[in-house]
């Protein structure tokens, strides 16, 4: 659990029965979901743009193509 209490306070405002819900889900499951979401977020964020190097160089504005 976090020591600063911020996530718990937010959870209590959003869903007052969050403590009972956490009894149904193991902490390892929550960590696995969190880590998978973190990896997916950064994988998507760090993908290259749709343009290839050739497409960038061949732009009409730059005198290519």
PDB file of N, CA and C in Angstrom:
ATOM      1  N   UNK A   1       0.833  -1.196   0.000  1.00  0.00           N
ATOM      2  CA  UNK A   1       0.000   0.000   0.000  1.00  0.00           C
ATOM      3  C   UNK A   1       0.872   1.251   0.000  1.00  0.00           C
ATOM      4  N   UNK A   2       0.338   2.305  -0.507  1.00  0.00           N
ATOM      5  CA  UNK A   2       1.030   3.583  -0.533  1.00  0.00           C
ATOM      6  C   UNK A   2       1.054   4.161   0.877  1.00  0.00           C
ATOM      7  N   UNK A   3       2.113   4.860   1.193  1.00  0.00           N
ATOM      8  CA  UNK A   3       2.197   5.460   2.524  1.00  0.00           C
ATOM      9  C   UNK A   3       1.614   6.859   2.560  1.00  0.00           C
ATOM     10  N   UNK A   4       1.486   7.507   1.387  1.00  0.00           N
ATOM     11  CA  UNK A   4       0.985   8.880   1.401  1.00  0.00           C
ATOM     12  C   UNK A   4      -0.534   8.965   1.510  1.00  0.00           C
ATOM     13  N   UNK A   5      -1.254   7.904   1.197  1.00  0.00           N
ATOM     14  CA  UNK A   5      -2.701   7.895   1.372  1.00  0.00           C
ATOM     15  C   UNK A   5      -3.497   8.480   0.230  1.00  0.00           C
ATOM     16  N   UNK A   6      -2.849   9.097  -0.750  1.00  0.00           N
ATOM     17  CA  UNK A   6      -3.576   9.740  -1.840  1.00  0.00           C
ATOM     18  C   UNK A   6      -4.403   8.758  -2.661  1.00  0.00           C
ATOM     19  N   UNK A   7      -3.851   7.630  -3.112  1.00  0.00           N
ATOM     20  CA  UNK A   7      -4.680   6.703  -3.890  1.00  0.00           C
ATOM     21  C   UNK A   7      -5.873   6.171  -3.099  1.00  0.00           C
ATOM     22  N   UNK A   8      -5.685   5.927  -1.812  1.00  0.00           N
ATOM     23  CA  UNK A   8      -6.784   5.424  -1.005  1.00  0.00           C
ATOM     24  C   UNK A   8      -7.882   6.467  -0.863  1.00  0.00           C
ATOM     25  N   UNK A   9      -7.513   7.716  -0.670  1.00  0.00           N
ATOM     26  CA  UNK A   9      -8.517   8.770  -0.539  1.00  0.00           C
ATOM     27  C   UNK A   9      -9.311   8.919  -1.824  1.00  0.00           C
ATOM     28  N   UNK A  10      -8.628   8.857  -2.942  1.00  0.00           N
ATOM     29  CA  UNK A  10      -9.318   8.948  -4.234  1.00  0.00           C
ATOM     30  C   UNK A  10     -10.248   7.748  -4.409  1.00  0.00           C
ATOM     31  N   UNK A  11      -9.778   6.564  -4.048  1.00  0.00           N
ATOM     32  CA  UNK A  11     -10.598   5.360  -4.187  1.00  0.00           C
ATOM     33  C   UNK A  11     -11.836   5.435  -3.297  1.00  0.00           C
ATOM     34  N   UNK A  12     -11.699   5.987  -2.111  1.00  0.00           N
ATOM     35  CA  UNK A  12     -12.852   6.097  -1.217  1.00  0.00           C
ATOM     36  C   UNK A  12     -13.896   7.054  -1.765  1.00  0.00           C
ATOM     37  N   UNK A  13     -13.459   8.109  -2.439  1.00  0.00           N
ATOM     38  CA  UNK A  13     -14.416   9.041  -3.035  1.00  0.00           C
ATOM     39  C   UNK A  13     -15.121   8.421  -4.231  1.00  0.00           C
ATOM     40  N   UNK A  14     -14.392   7.692  -5.036  1.00  0.00           N
ATOM     41  CA  UNK A  14     -14.959   7.104  -6.252  1.00  0.00           C
ATOM     42  C   UNK A  14     -15.855   5.914  -5.917  1.00  0.00           C
ATOM     43  N   UNK A  15     -15.377   5.023  -5.071  1.00  0.00           N
ATOM     44  CA  UNK A  15     -16.136   3.821  -4.720  1.00  0.00           C
ATOM     45  C   UNK A  15     -15.969   3.566  -3.227  1.00  0.00           C
ATOM     46  N   UNK A  16     -16.966   3.932  -2.434  1.00  0.00           N
ATOM     47  CA  UNK A  16     -16.841   3.784  -0.981  1.00  0.00           C
ATOM     48  C   UNK A  16     -16.560   2.352  -0.512  1.00  0.00           C
ATOM     49  N   UNK A  17     -16.957   1.365  -1.266  1.00  0.00           N
ATOM     50  CA  UNK A  17     -16.763  -0.029  -0.850  1.00  0.00           C
ATOM     51  C   UNK A  17     -15.486  -0.622  -1.446  1.00  0.00           C
ATOM     52  N   UNK A  18     -14.479   0.202  -1.713  1.00  0.00           N
ATOM     53  CA  UNK A  18     -13.274  -0.297  -2.371  1.00  0.00           C
ATOM     54  C   UNK A  18     -12.504  -1.276  -1.500  1.00  0.00           C
ATOM     55  N   UNK A  19     -12.554  -1.121  -0.195  1.00  0.00           N
ATOM     56  CA  UNK A  19     -11.818  -2.051   0.676  1.00  0.00           C
ATOM     57  C   UNK A  19     -12.377  -3.464   0.579  1.00  0.00           C
ATOM     58  N   UNK A  20     -13.689  -3.599   0.517  1.00  0.00           N
ATOM     59  CA  UNK A  20     -14.281  -4.926   0.377  1.00  0.00           C
ATOM     60  C   UNK A  20     -13.929  -5.533  -0.979  1.00  0.00           C
ATOM     61  N   UNK A  21     -13.873  -4.700  -1.995  1.00  0.00           N
ATOM     62  CA  UNK A  21     -13.529  -5.200  -3.326  1.00  0.00           C
ATOM     63  C   UNK A  21     -12.091  -5.696  -3.375  1.00  0.00           C
ATOM     64  N   UNK A  22     -11.196  -5.063  -2.627  1.00  0.00           N
ATOM     65  CA  UNK A  22      -9.800  -5.500  -2.653  1.00  0.00           C
ATOM     66  C   UNK A  22      -9.617  -6.849  -1.982  1.00  0.00           C
ATOM     67  N   UNK A  23     -10.558  -7.259  -1.160  1.00  0.00           N
ATOM     68  CA  UNK A  23     -10.460  -8.576  -0.546  1.00  0.00           C
ATOM     69  C   UNK A  23     -10.691  -9.684  -1.569  1.00  0.00           C
ATOM     70  N   UNK A  24     -11.401  -9.383  -2.641  1.00  0.00           N
ATOM     71  CA  UNK A  24     -11.678 -10.372  -3.672  1.00  0.00           C
ATOM     72  C   UNK A  24     -10.521 -10.525  -4.652  1.00  0.00           C
ATOM     73  N   UNK A  25      -9.683  -9.521  -4.759  1.00  0.00           N
ATOM     74  CA  UNK A  25      -8.586  -9.528  -5.722  1.00  0.00           C
ATOM     75  C   UNK A  25      -7.270  -9.560  -4.959  1.00  0.00           C
ATOM     76  N   UNK A  26      -6.415 -10.486  -5.323  1.00  0.00           N
ATOM     77  CA  UNK A  26      -5.122 -10.616  -4.661  1.00  0.00           C
ATOM     78  C   UNK A  26      -4.213  -9.440  -5.038  1.00  0.00           C
ATOM     79  N   UNK A  27      -3.357  -8.994  -4.122  1.00  0.00           N
ATOM     80  CA  UNK A  27      -2.436  -7.896  -4.433  1.00  0.00           C
ATOM     81  C   UNK A  27      -1.546  -8.191  -5.641  1.00  0.00           C
ATOM     82  N   UNK A  28      -1.141  -9.437  -5.806  1.00  0.00           N
ATOM     83  CA  UNK A  28      -0.303  -9.792  -6.957  1.00  0.00           C
ATOM     84  C   UNK A  28      -1.044  -9.549  -8.267  1.00  0.00           C
ATOM     85  N   UNK A  29      -2.351  -9.781  -8.269  1.00  0.00           N
ATOM     86  CA  UNK A  29      -3.147  -9.544  -9.471  1.00  0.00           C
ATOM     87  C   UNK A  29      -3.199  -8.060  -9.794  1.00  0.00           C
ATOM     88  N   UNK A  30      -3.391  -7.241  -8.785  1.00  0.00           N
ATOM     89  CA  UNK A  30      -3.440  -5.792  -8.991  1.00  0.00           C
ATOM     90  C   UNK A  30      -2.102  -5.292  -9.523  1.00  0.00           C
ATOM     91  N   UNK A  31      -1.000  -5.778  -8.954  1.00  0.00           N
ATOM     92  CA  UNK A  31       0.321  -5.375  -9.435  1.00  0.00           C
ATOM     93  C   UNK A  31       0.549  -5.822 -10.872  1.00  0.00           C
ATOM     94  N   UNK A  32       0.100  -7.031 -11.204  1.00  0.00           N
ATOM     95  CA  UNK A  32       0.260  -7.529 -12.571  1.00  0.00           C
ATOM     96  C   UNK A  32      -0.511  -6.653 -13.549  1.00  0.00           C
ATOM     97  N   UNK A  33      -1.743  -6.284 -13.207  1.00  0.00           N
ATOM     98  CA  UNK A  33      -2.549  -5.415 -14.071  1.00  0.00           C
ATOM     99  C   UNK A  33      -1.880  -4.050 -14.223  1.00  0.00           C
ATOM    100  N   UNK A  34      -1.386  -3.507 -13.126  1.00  0.00           N
ATOM    101  CA  UNK A  34      -0.739  -2.196 -13.156  1.00  0.00           C
ATOM    102  C   UNK A  34       0.493  -2.225 -14.057  1.00  0.00           C
ATOM    103  N   UNK A  35       1.328  -3.251 -13.870  1.00  0.00           N
ATOM    104  CA  UNK A  35       2.552  -3.352 -14.668  1.00  0.00           C
ATOM    105  C   UNK A  35       2.251  -3.577 -16.140  1.00  0.00           C
ATOM    106  N   UNK A  36       1.239  -4.381 -16.452  1.00  0.00           N
ATOM    107  CA  UNK A  36       0.861  -4.614 -17.848  1.00  0.00           C
ATOM    108  C   UNK A  36       0.359  -3.321 -18.482  1.00  0.00           C
ATOM    109  N   UNK A  37      -0.421  -2.552 -17.747  1.00  0.00           N
ATOM    110  CA  UNK A  37      -0.904  -1.276 -18.260  1.00  0.00           C
ATOM    111  C   UNK A  37       0.230  -0.290 -18.479  1.00  0.00           C
ATOM    112  N   UNK A  38       1.185  -0.275 -17.560  1.00  0.00           N
ATOM    113  CA  UNK A  38       2.340   0.613 -17.686  1.00  0.00           C
ATOM    114  C   UNK A  38       3.149   0.255 -18.921  1.00  0.00           C
ATOM    115  N   UNK A  39       3.396  -1.056 -19.121  1.00  0.00           N
ATOM    116  CA  UNK A  39       4.143  -1.490 -20.306  1.00  0.00           C
ATOM    117  C   UNK A  39       3.402  -1.139 -21.582  1.00  0.00           C
ATOM    118  N   UNK A  40       2.089  -1.372 -21.610  1.00  0.00           N
ATOM    119  CA  UNK A  40       1.303  -1.064 -22.809  1.00  0.00           C
ATOM    120  C   UNK A  40       1.321   0.433 -23.106  1.00  0.00           C
ATOM    121  N   UNK A  41       1.210   1.245 -22.071  1.00  0.00           N
ATOM    122  CA  UNK A  41       1.238   2.694 -22.256  1.00  0.00           C
ATOM    123  C   UNK A  41       2.548   3.139 -22.896  1.00  0.00           C
ATOM    124  N   UNK A  42       3.674   2.698 -22.335  1.00  0.00           N
ATOM    125  CA  UNK A  42       4.959   3.151 -22.854  1.00  0.00           C
ATOM    126  C   UNK A  42       5.301   2.506 -24.187  1.00  0.00           C
ATOM    127  N   UNK A  43       4.826   1.286 -24.416  1.00  0.00           N
ATOM    128  CA  UNK A  43       5.057   0.663 -25.712  1.00  0.00           C
ATOM    129  C   UNK A  43       4.366   1.477 -26.794  1.00  0.00           C
ATOM    130  N   UNK A  44       3.128   1.862 -26.535  1.00  0.00           N
ATOM    131  CA  UNK A  44       2.387   2.647 -27.523  1.00  0.00           C
ATOM    132  C   UNK A  44       2.979   4.049 -27.674  1.00  0.00           C
ATOM    133  N   UNK A  45       3.366   4.644 -26.571  1.00  0.00           N
ATOM    134  CA  UNK A  45       3.907   6.004 -26.624  1.00  0.00           C
ATOM    135  C   UNK A  45       5.254   6.062 -27.346  1.00  0.00           C
ATOM    136  N   UNK A  46       6.041   5.004 -27.237  1.00  0.00           N
ATOM    137  CA  UNK A  46       7.380   5.028 -27.820  1.00  0.00           C
ATOM    138  C   UNK A  46       7.432   4.468 -29.240  1.00  0.00           C
ATOM    139  N   UNK A  47       6.290   4.124 -29.822  1.00  0.00           N
ATOM    140  CA  UNK A  47       6.287   3.635 -31.197  1.00  0.00           C
ATOM    141  C   UNK A  47       6.702   4.750 -32.137  1.00  0.00           C
ATOM    142  N   UNK A  48       7.312   4.331 -33.223  1.00  0.00           N
ATOM    143  CA  UNK A  48       7.693   5.306 -34.242  1.00  0.00           C
ATOM    144  C   UNK A  48       6.447   5.847 -34.909  1.00  0.00           C
ATOM    145  N   UNK A  49       6.585   7.007 -35.499  1.00  0.00           N
ATOM    146  CA  UNK A  49       5.461   7.554 -36.247  1.00  0.00           C
ATOM    147  C   UNK A  49       5.249   6.708 -37.496  1.00  0.00           C
ATOM    148  N   UNK A  50       4.180   6.930 -38.199  1.00  0.00           N
ATOM    149  CA  UNK A  50       3.865   6.133 -39.370  1.00  0.00           C
ATOM    150  C   UNK A  50       4.759   6.395 -40.567  1.00  0.00           C
ATOM    151  N   UNK A  51       5.531   7.475 -40.555  1.00  0.00           N
ATOM    152  CA  UNK A  51       6.378   7.808 -41.688  1.00  0.00           C
ATOM    153  C   UNK A  51       7.707   7.070 -41.619  1.00  0.00           C
ATOM    154  N   UNK A  52       8.163   6.584 -42.772  1.00  0.00           N
ATOM    155  CA  UNK A  52       9.482   5.964 -42.841  1.00  0.00           C
ATOM    156  C   UNK A  52      10.515   7.049 -43.109  1.00  0.00           C
ATOM    157  N   UNK A  53      11.778   6.702 -43.007  1.00  0.00           N
ATOM    158  CA  UNK A  53      12.835   7.677 -43.267  1.00  0.00           C
ATOM    159  C   UNK A  53      12.774   8.172 -44.708  1.00  0.00           C
ATOM    160  N   UNK A  54      12.494   7.261 -45.656  1.00  0.00           N
ATOM    161  CA  UNK A  54      12.405   7.655 -47.061  1.00  0.00           C
ATOM    162  C   UNK A  54      11.252   8.626 -47.276  1.00  0.00           C
ATOM    163  N   UNK A  55      10.132   8.380 -46.629  1.00  0.00           N
ATOM    164  CA  UNK A  55       8.978   9.259 -46.790  1.00  0.00           C
ATOM    165  C   UNK A  55       9.275  10.645 -46.224  1.00  0.00           C
ATOM    166  N   UNK A  56      10.041  10.705 -45.176  1.00  0.00           N
ATOM    167  CA  UNK A  56      10.394  12.003 -44.592  1.00  0.00           C
ATOM    168  C   UNK A  56      11.332  12.771 -45.514  1.00  0.00           C
ATOM    169  N   UNK A  57      12.279  12.065 -46.147  1.00  0.00           N
ATOM    170  CA  UNK A  57      13.239  12.721 -47.029  1.00  0.00           C
ATOM    171  C   UNK A  57      12.616  13.132 -48.354  1.00  0.00           C
ATOM    172  N   UNK A  58      11.578  12.422 -48.792  1.00  0.00           N
ATOM    173  CA  UNK A  58      11.000  12.658 -50.107  1.00  0.00           C
ATOM    174  C   UNK A  58       9.858  13.664 -50.070  1.00  0.00           C
ATOM    175  N   UNK A  59       9.823  14.497 -49.084  1.00  0.00           N
ATOM    176  CA  UNK A  59       8.746  15.478 -48.976  1.00  0.00           C
ATOM    177  C   UNK A  59       8.945  16.566 -50.029  1.00  0.00           C
ATOM    178  N   UNK A  60       7.893  16.940 -50.769  1.00  0.00           N
ATOM    179  CA  UNK A  60       8.018  17.955 -51.828  1.00  0.00           C
ATOM    180  C   UNK A  60       8.577  19.291 -51.329  1.00  0.00           C
ATOM    181  N   UNK A  61       8.270  19.653 -50.115  1.00  0.00           N
ATOM    182  CA  UNK A  61       8.762  20.911 -49.566  1.00  0.00           C
ATOM    183  C   UNK A  61      10.292  20.918 -49.488  1.00  0.00           C
ATOM    184  N   UNK A  62      10.868  19.740 -49.267  1.00  0.00           N
ATOM    185  CA  UNK A  62      12.313  19.630 -49.119  1.00  0.00           C
ATOM    186  C   UNK A  62      13.027  19.420 -50.452  1.00  0.00           C
ATOM    187  N   UNK A  63      12.296  19.411 -51.554  1.00  0.00           N
ATOM    188  CA  UNK A  63      12.909  19.227 -52.856  1.00  0.00           C
ATOM    189  C   UNK A  63      12.969  17.775 -53.301  1.00  0.00           C
ATOM    190  N   UNK A  64      12.441  16.885 -52.501  1.00  0.00           N
ATOM    191  CA  UNK A  64      12.411  15.475 -52.889  1.00  0.00           C
ATOM    192  C   UNK A  64      11.156  15.172 -53.664  1.00  0.00           C
ATOM    193  N   UNK A  65      11.125  14.048 -54.310  1.00  0.00           N
ATOM    194  CA  UNK A  65       9.984  13.537 -55.100  1.00  0.00           C
ATOM    195  C   UNK A  65       9.435  14.602 -55.974  1.00  0.00           C
TER     196      UNK A  65
END
